[in-house]
Protein backbone atom coordinates (compact mmCIF):
# COMPACT_ATOMS: atom_id res chain seq x y z
CA UNK A 1 57.10 52.69 23.17
CA UNK A 2 58.51 55.26 20.64
CA UNK A 3 55.77 57.90 21.70
CA UNK A 4 58.29 59.98 23.54
CA UNK A 5 57.20 58.69 27.31
CA UNK A 6 60.49 57.62 29.23
CA UNK A 7 61.20 54.34 30.94
CA UNK A 8 59.89 53.93 34.58
CA UNK A 9 63.82 54.08 35.62
CA UNK A 10 64.37 57.48 33.68
CA UNK A 11 61.24 58.80 35.05
CA UNK A 12 62.04 57.71 38.85
CA UNK A 13 65.31 59.43 38.16
CA UNK A 14 63.84 62.53 36.73
CA UNK A 15 61.43 62.70 39.63
CA UNK A 16 64.16 62.30 42.47
CA UNK A 17 66.20 65.06 40.83
CA UNK A 18 63.24 67.30 40.75
CA UNK A 19 62.35 66.65 44.25
CA UNK A 20 65.90 67.10 45.12
CA UNK A 21 66.01 70.59 43.41
CA UNK A 22 62.46 71.63 45.09
CA UNK A 23 64.10 70.45 48.46
CA UNK A 24 67.30 72.48 48.15
CA UNK A 25 65.06 75.66 46.86
CA UNK A 26 63.05 75.30 50.02
CA UNK A 27 65.87 74.83 52.35
CA UNK A 28 67.30 78.18 51.10
CA UNK A 29 64.20 80.23 51.40
CA UNK A 30 63.73 79.33 54.72
CA UNK A 31 67.34 80.18 55.36
CA UNK A 32 66.88 83.66 53.56
CA UNK A 33 64.02 84.44 55.98
């Protein structure tokens, strides 16, 4: 649909990317402490 909602594949890719960034930040945070 042309209402600005990404396709399921794109949504999954974005979700994986965000999860990876969050995991990297958590690892860095735990290592800092």
